[in-house]
N, C-alpha and C. Protein backbone atom coordinates (compact mmCIF):
# COMPACT_ATOMS: atom_id res chain seq x y z
N MET A 1 -100.13 64.35 -80.49
CA MET A 1 -100.67 63.12 -79.92
C MET A 1 -101.14 62.21 -81.05
N VAL A 2 -100.72 60.95 -81.00
CA VAL A 2 -101.09 59.98 -82.02
C VAL A 2 -102.29 59.20 -81.51
N VAL A 3 -103.35 59.17 -82.29
CA VAL A 3 -104.54 58.42 -81.93
C VAL A 3 -104.46 57.06 -82.61
N PRO A 4 -104.51 55.96 -81.84
CA PRO A 4 -104.39 54.65 -82.46
C PRO A 4 -105.59 54.33 -83.34
N THR A 5 -105.31 53.64 -84.42
CA THR A 5 -106.40 53.16 -85.27
C THR A 5 -107.05 51.99 -84.57
N ASN A 6 -108.20 51.56 -85.06
CA ASN A 6 -108.88 50.41 -84.45
C ASN A 6 -108.00 49.18 -84.46
N THR A 7 -107.22 49.00 -85.54
CA THR A 7 -106.32 47.85 -85.64
C THR A 7 -105.25 47.92 -84.57
N GLU A 8 -104.65 49.12 -84.39
CA GLU A 8 -103.63 49.28 -83.36
C GLU A 8 -104.21 49.06 -81.97
N GLU A 9 -105.41 49.55 -81.74
CA GLU A 9 -106.04 49.42 -80.43
C GLU A 9 -106.32 47.96 -80.12
N SER A 10 -106.86 47.21 -81.08
CA SER A 10 -107.16 45.80 -80.82
C SER A 10 -105.87 45.02 -80.66
N SER A 11 -104.80 45.40 -81.38
CA SER A 11 -103.51 44.74 -81.22
C SER A 11 -102.97 44.98 -79.81
N ASN A 12 -103.08 46.22 -79.30
CA ASN A 12 -102.63 46.52 -77.95
C ASN A 12 -103.41 45.71 -76.92
N ARG A 13 -104.71 45.57 -77.11
CA ARG A 13 -105.53 44.78 -76.18
C ARG A 13 -105.06 43.33 -76.17
N LEU A 14 -104.76 42.76 -77.35
CA LEU A 14 -104.31 41.39 -77.41
C LEU A 14 -102.99 41.22 -76.67
N GLU A 15 -102.11 42.22 -76.74
CA GLU A 15 -100.81 42.13 -76.09
C GLU A 15 -100.93 42.14 -74.57
N ILE A 16 -101.94 42.77 -74.01
CA ILE A 16 -102.03 42.84 -72.55
C ILE A 16 -103.04 41.86 -71.97
N ASN A 17 -103.74 41.11 -72.81
CA ASN A 17 -104.77 40.22 -72.28
C ASN A 17 -104.23 38.94 -71.67
N GLY A 18 -103.11 38.42 -72.13
CA GLY A 18 -102.60 37.17 -71.62
C GLY A 18 -101.78 37.34 -70.36
N LEU A 19 -101.48 36.21 -69.70
CA LEU A 19 -100.64 36.25 -68.50
C LEU A 19 -99.26 36.80 -68.82
N ALA A 20 -98.73 36.44 -70.00
CA ALA A 20 -97.41 36.93 -70.38
C ALA A 20 -97.42 38.45 -70.48
N GLY A 21 -98.49 39.01 -71.02
CA GLY A 21 -98.61 40.46 -71.14
C GLY A 21 -98.69 41.13 -69.78
N LEU A 22 -99.46 40.52 -68.86
CA LEU A 22 -99.55 41.07 -67.51
C LEU A 22 -98.20 41.02 -66.80
N LEU A 23 -97.47 39.92 -67.00
CA LEU A 23 -96.16 39.78 -66.38
C LEU A 23 -95.19 40.83 -66.92
N ALA A 24 -95.21 41.05 -68.23
CA ALA A 24 -94.35 42.06 -68.84
C ALA A 24 -94.72 43.46 -68.35
N ALA A 25 -96.02 43.74 -68.24
CA ALA A 25 -96.47 45.06 -67.77
C ALA A 25 -96.05 45.28 -66.32
N ALA A 26 -96.04 44.22 -65.51
CA ALA A 26 -95.68 44.34 -64.09
C ALA A 26 -94.22 44.74 -63.93
N LYS A 27 -93.36 44.34 -64.88
CA LYS A 27 -91.95 44.71 -64.79
C LYS A 27 -91.76 46.22 -64.86
N ASN A 28 -92.66 46.91 -65.54
CA ASN A 28 -92.56 48.35 -65.69
C ASN A 28 -93.24 49.11 -64.57
N ASP A 29 -93.86 48.40 -63.63
CA ASP A 29 -94.59 49.05 -62.54
C ASP A 29 -94.17 48.40 -61.22
N PRO A 30 -92.97 48.72 -60.72
CA PRO A 30 -92.48 48.04 -59.51
C PRO A 30 -93.31 48.37 -58.28
N PHE A 31 -93.31 47.44 -57.34
CA PHE A 31 -94.03 47.63 -56.10
C PHE A 31 -93.23 48.53 -55.17
N PRO A 32 -93.92 49.27 -54.30
CA PRO A 32 -93.21 50.10 -53.32
C PRO A 32 -92.36 49.21 -52.40
N PRO A 33 -91.27 49.72 -51.87
CA PRO A 33 -90.37 48.92 -51.01
C PRO A 33 -90.89 48.78 -49.59
N VAL A 34 -92.08 48.19 -49.43
CA VAL A 34 -92.72 48.12 -48.10
C VAL A 34 -91.89 47.34 -47.09
N GLU A 35 -91.08 46.39 -47.55
CA GLU A 35 -90.27 45.59 -46.63
C GLU A 35 -89.24 46.46 -45.92
N SER A 36 -88.81 47.54 -46.55
CA SER A 36 -87.77 48.38 -45.95
C SER A 36 -88.34 49.56 -45.15
N TRP A 37 -89.64 49.77 -45.22
CA TRP A 37 -90.24 50.88 -44.46
C TRP A 37 -90.47 50.47 -43.01
N ASP A 38 -90.22 51.37 -42.08
CA ASP A 38 -90.42 51.09 -40.66
C ASP A 38 -91.18 52.25 -39.99
N PRO A 39 -92.44 52.46 -40.41
CA PRO A 39 -93.21 53.56 -39.84
C PRO A 39 -93.79 53.17 -38.48
N PRO A 40 -94.31 54.14 -37.73
CA PRO A 40 -94.95 53.81 -36.45
C PRO A 40 -96.25 53.04 -36.67
N TYR A 41 -96.53 52.15 -35.72
CA TYR A 41 -97.77 51.36 -35.74
C TYR A 41 -98.93 52.25 -35.31
N CYS A 42 -100.01 52.24 -36.13
CA CYS A 42 -101.15 53.12 -35.85
C CYS A 42 -102.41 52.36 -35.45
N GLY A 43 -102.32 51.05 -35.25
CA GLY A 43 -103.46 50.30 -34.73
C GLY A 43 -104.27 49.54 -35.75
N ASP A 44 -105.43 49.09 -35.29
CA ASP A 44 -106.36 48.30 -36.10
C ASP A 44 -107.51 49.21 -36.51
N ILE A 45 -107.70 49.36 -37.82
CA ILE A 45 -108.78 50.22 -38.31
C ILE A 45 -109.95 49.42 -38.88
N GLY A 46 -109.89 48.09 -38.72
CA GLY A 46 -111.01 47.25 -39.16
C GLY A 46 -110.89 46.68 -40.55
N LEU A 47 -109.66 46.51 -41.06
CA LEU A 47 -109.47 45.90 -42.38
C LEU A 47 -109.31 44.39 -42.23
N ARG A 48 -109.95 43.63 -43.13
CA ARG A 48 -109.87 42.17 -43.11
C ARG A 48 -109.94 41.64 -44.53
N ILE A 49 -109.21 40.56 -44.78
CA ILE A 49 -109.28 39.86 -46.06
C ILE A 49 -109.83 38.47 -45.80
N GLU A 50 -110.99 38.18 -46.38
CA GLU A 50 -111.65 36.88 -46.20
C GLU A 50 -110.90 35.79 -46.97
N ALA A 51 -111.24 34.53 -46.71
CA ALA A 51 -110.59 33.40 -47.37
C ALA A 51 -110.79 33.41 -48.88
N ASP A 52 -111.88 34.01 -49.35
CA ASP A 52 -112.13 34.07 -50.80
C ASP A 52 -111.48 35.28 -51.46
N GLY A 53 -110.68 36.06 -50.70
CA GLY A 53 -109.99 37.22 -51.24
C GLY A 53 -110.75 38.52 -51.15
N THR A 54 -111.96 38.50 -50.58
CA THR A 54 -112.75 39.72 -50.42
C THR A 54 -112.15 40.59 -49.32
N TRP A 55 -111.95 41.88 -49.64
CA TRP A 55 -111.47 42.84 -48.66
C TRP A 55 -112.66 43.49 -47.97
N LEU A 56 -112.57 43.62 -46.64
CA LEU A 56 -113.63 44.24 -45.85
C LEU A 56 -113.06 45.40 -45.04
N TYR A 57 -113.86 46.43 -44.91
CA TYR A 57 -113.54 47.52 -43.99
C TYR A 57 -114.70 47.62 -43.01
N ARG A 58 -114.42 47.34 -41.74
CA ARG A 58 -115.44 47.32 -40.68
C ARG A 58 -116.64 46.47 -41.10
N ASP A 59 -116.36 45.27 -41.58
CA ASP A 59 -117.35 44.26 -41.97
C ASP A 59 -118.16 44.61 -43.23
N SER A 60 -117.79 45.64 -43.96
CA SER A 60 -118.43 45.97 -45.23
C SER A 60 -117.44 45.70 -46.36
N ALA A 61 -117.91 44.99 -47.39
CA ALA A 61 -117.04 44.65 -48.51
C ALA A 61 -116.57 45.91 -49.23
N ILE A 62 -115.31 45.92 -49.60
CA ILE A 62 -114.76 46.99 -50.43
C ILE A 62 -114.95 46.52 -51.87
N ASN A 63 -115.90 47.10 -52.57
CA ASN A 63 -116.27 46.62 -53.90
C ASN A 63 -115.48 47.26 -55.04
N ARG A 64 -114.70 48.27 -54.73
CA ARG A 64 -113.90 48.92 -55.76
C ARG A 64 -112.59 48.15 -55.94
N VAL A 65 -112.48 47.43 -57.05
CA VAL A 65 -111.30 46.61 -57.30
C VAL A 65 -110.04 47.47 -57.34
N ALA A 66 -110.15 48.67 -57.91
CA ALA A 66 -108.98 49.55 -57.97
C ALA A 66 -108.46 49.87 -56.57
N MET A 67 -109.35 50.00 -55.61
CA MET A 67 -108.93 50.31 -54.25
C MET A 67 -108.25 49.10 -53.61
N THR A 68 -108.81 47.91 -53.78
CA THR A 68 -108.17 46.73 -53.19
C THR A 68 -106.83 46.46 -53.86
N ARG A 69 -106.71 46.71 -55.15
CA ARG A 69 -105.40 46.56 -55.80
C ARG A 69 -104.40 47.54 -55.22
N LEU A 70 -104.83 48.77 -55.00
CA LEU A 70 -103.95 49.77 -54.41
C LEU A 70 -103.52 49.34 -53.02
N PHE A 71 -104.46 48.90 -52.20
CA PHE A 71 -104.12 48.42 -50.85
C PHE A 71 -103.15 47.23 -50.93
N SER A 72 -103.39 46.32 -51.87
CA SER A 72 -102.55 45.12 -51.95
C SER A 72 -101.11 45.47 -52.29
N ARG A 73 -100.88 46.59 -52.96
CA ARG A 73 -99.53 47.02 -53.32
C ARG A 73 -98.71 47.44 -52.10
N VAL A 74 -99.38 47.85 -51.03
CA VAL A 74 -98.67 48.27 -49.82
C VAL A 74 -98.94 47.31 -48.65
N LEU A 75 -99.33 46.08 -48.99
CA LEU A 75 -99.56 45.04 -47.99
C LEU A 75 -98.24 44.35 -47.69
N ARG A 76 -98.04 44.03 -46.41
CA ARG A 76 -96.81 43.36 -45.99
C ARG A 76 -97.16 42.31 -44.95
N CYS A 77 -96.42 41.21 -44.98
CA CYS A 77 -96.54 40.18 -43.95
C CYS A 77 -95.20 40.12 -43.22
N ASP A 78 -95.24 40.35 -41.91
CA ASP A 78 -94.01 40.35 -41.13
C ASP A 78 -93.65 38.93 -40.69
N ALA A 79 -92.47 38.77 -40.11
CA ALA A 79 -91.98 37.44 -39.72
C ALA A 79 -92.92 36.73 -38.75
N ASP A 80 -93.68 37.50 -37.95
CA ASP A 80 -94.63 36.88 -37.01
C ASP A 80 -95.96 36.54 -37.68
N GLU A 81 -96.01 36.65 -39.02
CA GLU A 81 -97.18 36.35 -39.86
C GLU A 81 -98.33 37.32 -39.68
N ARG A 82 -98.09 38.47 -39.06
CA ARG A 82 -99.11 39.53 -39.01
C ARG A 82 -99.03 40.33 -40.30
N HIS A 83 -100.20 40.73 -40.79
CA HIS A 83 -100.28 41.50 -42.02
C HIS A 83 -100.58 42.96 -41.71
N PHE A 84 -99.97 43.85 -42.50
CA PHE A 84 -100.14 45.29 -42.32
C PHE A 84 -100.24 45.99 -43.66
N LEU A 85 -100.99 47.08 -43.69
CA LEU A 85 -100.85 48.05 -44.77
C LEU A 85 -99.78 49.02 -44.29
N VAL A 86 -98.80 49.30 -45.16
CA VAL A 86 -97.64 50.08 -44.76
C VAL A 86 -97.41 51.22 -45.74
N THR A 87 -97.22 52.41 -45.21
CA THR A 87 -96.77 53.55 -46.00
C THR A 87 -95.50 54.05 -45.31
N PRO A 88 -94.81 55.02 -45.90
CA PRO A 88 -93.62 55.52 -45.21
C PRO A 88 -93.92 56.17 -43.85
N VAL A 89 -95.20 56.52 -43.59
CA VAL A 89 -95.50 57.25 -42.35
C VAL A 89 -96.43 56.51 -41.38
N GLU A 90 -97.04 55.39 -41.78
CA GLU A 90 -97.92 54.67 -40.86
C GLU A 90 -98.05 53.21 -41.23
N LYS A 91 -98.49 52.42 -40.24
CA LYS A 91 -98.68 50.98 -40.41
C LYS A 91 -99.95 50.59 -39.65
N VAL A 92 -100.90 49.91 -40.35
CA VAL A 92 -102.15 49.48 -39.72
C VAL A 92 -102.36 47.99 -39.95
N ASP A 93 -103.05 47.36 -39.01
CA ASP A 93 -103.34 45.93 -39.10
C ASP A 93 -104.27 45.59 -40.25
N VAL A 94 -104.06 44.39 -40.82
CA VAL A 94 -105.01 43.78 -41.74
C VAL A 94 -105.18 42.34 -41.27
N ALA A 95 -106.38 41.97 -40.86
CA ALA A 95 -106.65 40.58 -40.45
C ALA A 95 -106.84 39.75 -41.72
N VAL A 96 -106.08 38.66 -41.83
CA VAL A 96 -106.16 37.81 -43.02
C VAL A 96 -106.63 36.43 -42.58
N VAL A 97 -107.79 36.01 -43.10
CA VAL A 97 -108.39 34.74 -42.68
C VAL A 97 -107.56 33.55 -43.14
N ASP A 98 -107.08 33.55 -44.38
CA ASP A 98 -106.29 32.44 -44.90
C ASP A 98 -105.02 32.98 -45.56
N ALA A 99 -105.15 33.51 -46.76
CA ALA A 99 -104.05 34.14 -47.48
C ALA A 99 -104.60 35.41 -48.11
N PRO A 100 -103.77 36.42 -48.31
CA PRO A 100 -104.29 37.67 -48.84
C PRO A 100 -104.71 37.62 -50.31
N PHE A 101 -104.24 36.62 -51.03
CA PHE A 101 -104.57 36.49 -52.45
C PHE A 101 -105.11 35.10 -52.74
N VAL A 102 -105.81 34.98 -53.87
CA VAL A 102 -106.27 33.68 -54.36
C VAL A 102 -105.77 33.55 -55.79
N ALA A 103 -105.05 32.47 -56.08
CA ALA A 103 -104.62 32.20 -57.45
C ALA A 103 -105.82 31.66 -58.22
N VAL A 104 -106.22 32.36 -59.26
CA VAL A 104 -107.47 32.02 -59.97
C VAL A 104 -107.24 31.55 -61.40
N GLU A 105 -106.02 31.67 -61.90
CA GLU A 105 -105.73 31.24 -63.27
C GLU A 105 -104.31 30.70 -63.31
N MET A 106 -104.11 29.66 -64.13
CA MET A 106 -102.78 29.07 -64.26
C MET A 106 -102.49 28.84 -65.74
N ASP A 107 -101.29 29.18 -66.15
CA ASP A 107 -100.84 28.94 -67.51
C ASP A 107 -99.69 27.94 -67.44
N VAL A 108 -99.74 26.91 -68.27
CA VAL A 108 -98.71 25.88 -68.31
C VAL A 108 -98.05 25.93 -69.67
N SER A 109 -96.74 26.03 -69.69
CA SER A 109 -96.02 25.97 -70.96
C SER A 109 -94.86 25.00 -70.81
N GLY A 110 -94.44 24.43 -71.92
CA GLY A 110 -93.37 23.45 -71.90
C GLY A 110 -93.84 22.14 -71.29
N SER A 111 -92.89 21.22 -71.16
CA SER A 111 -93.22 19.92 -70.56
C SER A 111 -91.97 19.34 -69.91
N GLY A 112 -92.18 18.31 -69.10
CA GLY A 112 -91.07 17.68 -68.40
C GLY A 112 -90.32 18.68 -67.54
N SER A 113 -88.97 18.60 -67.60
CA SER A 113 -88.18 19.52 -66.77
C SER A 113 -88.21 20.94 -67.30
N ASP A 114 -88.71 21.15 -68.52
CA ASP A 114 -88.84 22.50 -69.09
C ASP A 114 -90.21 23.12 -68.82
N GLN A 115 -91.04 22.43 -68.06
CA GLN A 115 -92.38 22.95 -67.78
C GLN A 115 -92.31 24.22 -66.93
N ARG A 116 -93.19 25.18 -67.26
CA ARG A 116 -93.27 26.43 -66.50
C ARG A 116 -94.72 26.69 -66.13
N LEU A 117 -94.96 26.98 -64.85
CA LEU A 117 -96.28 27.33 -64.36
C LEU A 117 -96.31 28.82 -64.04
N CYS A 118 -97.36 29.47 -64.47
CA CYS A 118 -97.52 30.89 -64.21
C CYS A 118 -98.93 31.10 -63.67
N PHE A 119 -99.06 31.82 -62.55
CA PHE A 119 -100.35 32.02 -61.90
C PHE A 119 -100.76 33.49 -61.94
N ARG A 120 -102.08 33.72 -62.01
CA ARG A 120 -102.64 35.06 -61.88
C ARG A 120 -103.53 35.05 -60.65
N THR A 121 -103.40 36.08 -59.81
CA THR A 121 -104.22 36.15 -58.61
C THR A 121 -105.51 36.92 -58.88
N ASN A 122 -106.38 36.92 -57.90
CA ASN A 122 -107.65 37.65 -57.98
C ASN A 122 -107.44 39.15 -58.14
N LEU A 123 -106.25 39.66 -57.81
CA LEU A 123 -105.96 41.08 -57.98
C LEU A 123 -104.95 41.32 -59.10
N ASP A 124 -104.86 40.35 -60.01
CA ASP A 124 -104.04 40.42 -61.23
C ASP A 124 -102.54 40.48 -61.00
N ASP A 125 -102.06 40.02 -59.85
CA ASP A 125 -100.63 39.78 -59.71
C ASP A 125 -100.32 38.55 -60.54
N VAL A 126 -99.22 38.58 -61.26
CA VAL A 126 -98.81 37.44 -62.08
C VAL A 126 -97.50 36.90 -61.50
N VAL A 127 -97.48 35.60 -61.22
CA VAL A 127 -96.36 34.99 -60.52
C VAL A 127 -95.90 33.76 -61.28
N ARG A 128 -94.61 33.73 -61.62
CA ARG A 128 -94.03 32.53 -62.22
C ARG A 128 -93.56 31.63 -61.09
N CYS A 129 -94.02 30.40 -61.08
CA CYS A 129 -93.65 29.44 -60.04
C CYS A 129 -92.21 29.00 -60.26
N ASN A 130 -91.35 29.25 -59.26
CA ASN A 130 -89.95 28.86 -59.34
C ASN A 130 -89.37 28.86 -57.92
N SER A 131 -88.06 28.81 -57.81
CA SER A 131 -87.46 28.75 -56.47
C SER A 131 -87.71 30.01 -55.65
N LYS A 132 -87.90 31.17 -56.29
CA LYS A 132 -88.20 32.40 -55.57
C LYS A 132 -89.69 32.53 -55.24
N HIS A 133 -90.51 31.84 -56.00
CA HIS A 133 -91.97 31.86 -55.81
C HIS A 133 -92.45 30.40 -55.76
N PRO A 134 -92.13 29.71 -54.65
CA PRO A 134 -92.42 28.28 -54.58
C PRO A 134 -93.89 27.97 -54.30
N LEU A 135 -94.27 26.78 -54.74
CA LEU A 135 -95.55 26.18 -54.35
C LEU A 135 -95.33 25.46 -53.03
N SER A 136 -96.31 25.53 -52.15
CA SER A 136 -96.26 24.75 -50.91
C SER A 136 -97.65 24.18 -50.67
N PHE A 137 -97.70 23.12 -49.89
CA PHE A 137 -98.97 22.43 -49.64
C PHE A 137 -99.14 22.21 -48.15
N VAL A 138 -100.37 22.38 -47.69
CA VAL A 138 -100.72 22.17 -46.29
C VAL A 138 -101.81 21.11 -46.24
N THR A 139 -101.69 20.19 -45.29
CA THR A 139 -102.74 19.18 -45.10
C THR A 139 -103.84 19.77 -44.24
N VAL A 140 -105.09 19.60 -44.68
CA VAL A 140 -106.23 20.20 -44.01
C VAL A 140 -107.07 19.11 -43.35
N ALA A 141 -107.36 19.28 -42.05
CA ALA A 141 -108.22 18.34 -41.33
C ALA A 141 -109.67 18.61 -41.75
N PRO A 142 -110.60 17.72 -41.63
CA PRO A 142 -110.48 16.40 -41.02
C PRO A 142 -110.10 15.30 -42.00
N ASP A 143 -110.12 15.57 -43.32
CA ASP A 143 -109.90 14.51 -44.31
C ASP A 143 -108.49 14.50 -44.89
N ASP A 144 -107.59 15.29 -44.33
CA ASP A 144 -106.21 15.38 -44.80
C ASP A 144 -106.11 15.80 -46.27
N GLY A 145 -107.05 16.63 -46.71
CA GLY A 145 -106.98 17.18 -48.06
C GLY A 145 -105.84 18.16 -48.18
N LEU A 146 -105.45 18.46 -49.40
CA LEU A 146 -104.34 19.38 -49.64
C LEU A 146 -104.84 20.78 -49.94
N LYS A 147 -104.15 21.76 -49.40
CA LYS A 147 -104.42 23.15 -49.71
C LYS A 147 -103.11 23.75 -50.21
N PRO A 148 -103.06 24.13 -51.51
CA PRO A 148 -101.81 24.66 -52.07
C PRO A 148 -101.73 26.18 -51.97
N TYR A 149 -100.49 26.67 -51.87
CA TYR A 149 -100.21 28.10 -51.83
C TYR A 149 -99.03 28.39 -52.76
N ILE A 150 -98.98 29.60 -53.29
CA ILE A 150 -97.80 30.06 -54.01
C ILE A 150 -97.36 31.38 -53.40
N MET A 151 -96.05 31.54 -53.25
CA MET A 151 -95.49 32.77 -52.71
C MET A 151 -95.59 33.85 -53.79
N VAL A 152 -96.22 34.97 -53.44
CA VAL A 152 -96.43 36.05 -54.41
C VAL A 152 -95.27 37.04 -54.35
N ARG A 153 -95.04 37.62 -53.17
CA ARG A 153 -93.91 38.53 -52.96
C ARG A 153 -93.72 38.72 -51.46
N GLY A 154 -92.48 39.03 -51.08
CA GLY A 154 -92.20 39.12 -49.65
C GLY A 154 -92.62 37.82 -48.98
N ARG A 155 -93.45 37.92 -47.95
CA ARG A 155 -94.02 36.73 -47.29
C ARG A 155 -95.49 36.56 -47.64
N LEU A 156 -95.96 37.27 -48.65
CA LEU A 156 -97.37 37.22 -49.04
C LEU A 156 -97.64 36.03 -49.95
N LYS A 157 -98.65 35.25 -49.57
CA LYS A 157 -99.00 34.06 -50.33
C LYS A 157 -100.36 34.20 -50.98
N ALA A 158 -100.56 33.38 -52.01
CA ALA A 158 -101.88 33.22 -52.62
C ALA A 158 -102.29 31.77 -52.41
N ARG A 159 -103.52 31.59 -51.95
CA ARG A 159 -104.08 30.23 -51.89
C ARG A 159 -104.48 29.87 -53.31
N VAL A 160 -104.06 28.71 -53.77
CA VAL A 160 -104.40 28.25 -55.11
C VAL A 160 -105.82 27.70 -55.06
N SER A 161 -106.68 28.19 -55.95
CA SER A 161 -108.10 27.80 -55.93
C SER A 161 -108.25 26.29 -56.12
N ARG A 162 -109.39 25.78 -55.67
CA ARG A 162 -109.66 24.34 -55.76
C ARG A 162 -109.60 23.85 -57.21
N ALA A 163 -110.15 24.63 -58.14
CA ALA A 163 -110.12 24.22 -59.55
C ALA A 163 -108.68 24.06 -60.04
N LEU A 164 -107.80 24.97 -59.63
CA LEU A 164 -106.40 24.87 -60.05
C LEU A 164 -105.69 23.74 -59.33
N LEU A 165 -106.12 23.40 -58.11
CA LEU A 165 -105.54 22.24 -57.43
C LEU A 165 -105.76 20.99 -58.27
N TYR A 166 -106.96 20.82 -58.82
CA TYR A 166 -107.23 19.66 -59.68
C TYR A 166 -106.32 19.68 -60.91
N ASP A 167 -106.07 20.87 -61.47
CA ASP A 167 -105.16 20.97 -62.61
C ASP A 167 -103.74 20.59 -62.21
N LEU A 168 -103.31 21.00 -61.02
CA LEU A 168 -101.98 20.64 -60.54
C LEU A 168 -101.85 19.12 -60.35
N VAL A 169 -102.90 18.52 -59.81
CA VAL A 169 -102.88 17.06 -59.60
C VAL A 169 -102.76 16.34 -60.94
N GLU A 170 -103.44 16.85 -61.97
CA GLU A 170 -103.34 16.25 -63.31
C GLU A 170 -101.93 16.36 -63.87
N LEU A 171 -101.20 17.41 -63.50
CA LEU A 171 -99.83 17.61 -63.98
C LEU A 171 -98.81 16.81 -63.18
N ALA A 172 -99.22 16.26 -62.05
CA ALA A 172 -98.29 15.60 -61.14
C ALA A 172 -97.59 14.42 -61.80
N GLU A 173 -96.34 14.27 -61.41
CA GLU A 173 -95.54 13.13 -61.86
C GLU A 173 -94.82 12.56 -60.65
N ALA A 174 -94.42 11.30 -60.75
CA ALA A 174 -93.74 10.63 -59.64
C ALA A 174 -92.24 10.81 -59.75
N ARG A 175 -91.61 11.05 -58.62
CA ARG A 175 -90.14 11.12 -58.51
C ARG A 175 -89.75 10.33 -57.27
N VAL A 176 -88.58 9.72 -57.31
CA VAL A 176 -88.06 9.02 -56.13
C VAL A 176 -87.10 9.98 -55.42
N ILE A 177 -87.46 10.34 -54.19
CA ILE A 177 -86.64 11.24 -53.39
C ILE A 177 -86.28 10.53 -52.10
N ASN A 178 -84.98 10.35 -51.86
CA ASN A 178 -84.50 9.62 -50.67
C ASN A 178 -85.14 8.25 -50.56
N GLY A 179 -85.28 7.56 -51.68
CA GLY A 179 -85.82 6.21 -51.70
C GLY A 179 -87.33 6.12 -51.58
N VAL A 180 -88.01 7.27 -51.57
CA VAL A 180 -89.47 7.28 -51.43
C VAL A 180 -90.08 7.90 -52.69
N GLU A 181 -91.13 7.24 -53.23
CA GLU A 181 -91.81 7.79 -54.39
C GLU A 181 -92.71 8.96 -53.95
N VAL A 182 -92.50 10.12 -54.58
CA VAL A 182 -93.22 11.33 -54.23
C VAL A 182 -93.85 11.89 -55.49
N PHE A 183 -95.11 12.33 -55.39
CA PHE A 183 -95.77 12.98 -56.51
C PHE A 183 -95.64 14.49 -56.36
N GLY A 184 -95.41 15.15 -57.49
CA GLY A 184 -95.27 16.60 -57.46
C GLY A 184 -95.32 17.17 -58.85
N VAL A 185 -95.10 18.47 -58.94
CA VAL A 185 -95.11 19.16 -60.23
C VAL A 185 -93.80 19.91 -60.44
N MET A 186 -93.39 20.03 -61.70
CA MET A 186 -92.19 20.75 -62.06
C MET A 186 -92.56 22.15 -62.53
N SER A 187 -91.69 23.11 -62.22
CA SER A 187 -91.80 24.44 -62.79
C SER A 187 -90.44 25.10 -62.75
N GLU A 188 -89.98 25.54 -63.90
CA GLU A 188 -88.69 26.20 -64.05
C GLU A 188 -87.56 25.40 -63.39
N GLY A 189 -87.57 24.08 -63.61
CA GLY A 189 -86.49 23.22 -63.13
C GLY A 189 -86.56 22.84 -61.67
N VAL A 190 -87.64 23.23 -60.97
CA VAL A 190 -87.78 22.90 -59.55
C VAL A 190 -88.96 21.94 -59.39
N PHE A 191 -88.76 20.89 -58.59
CA PHE A 191 -89.82 19.92 -58.31
C PHE A 191 -90.50 20.29 -57.00
N PHE A 192 -91.83 20.45 -57.05
CA PHE A 192 -92.61 20.81 -55.87
C PHE A 192 -93.49 19.63 -55.47
N PRO A 193 -93.14 18.93 -54.37
CA PRO A 193 -93.94 17.78 -53.92
C PRO A 193 -95.35 18.21 -53.53
N LEU A 194 -96.31 17.33 -53.80
CA LEU A 194 -97.72 17.62 -53.46
C LEU A 194 -98.03 17.24 -52.02
N GLN A 195 -97.01 17.04 -51.21
CA GLN A 195 -97.20 16.77 -49.79
C GLN A 195 -96.58 17.90 -49.00
N PRO A 196 -97.09 18.12 -47.79
CA PRO A 196 -96.47 19.16 -46.94
C PRO A 196 -95.02 18.78 -46.60
């Protein structure tokens, strides 16, 4: 067994601290194929995800981050927008108030049509914004404010935090689409309008 020196250890920490490091590490740790599992439905056991990303079990917060990360790995959203925890042998309800994840950090690289946006969620999922992981916006009453989301995996979305919404607005540029000027942001060659 090789014991790393302090220099090697600090170098390893630097490699995994950034979003790029998290994204690279995620490639080596694939998610279970929950979309293909079809276990029997076992009911509602009292799991809920609040709008701020807090997981609750029977109205008590689950404070162990490792546990919520584990649960999030087997979370699925079906076509009817119901959320479930799924294993090969059972499926239970998860009530989701808004979205199961919250995007809490954004990295911007490049500019213009070469611009790339990368998001980190509250549970350390790292998502590159592109055609497979699009940004979408919903108008919120009563003031018609915008609420942005990014597709994380399957049908699971992350609500983009308010602070990051302001960052997205700063990055916005105007494009003429079908004769109408539209503001939006570019990422990996795709233009995402800031309107629903």
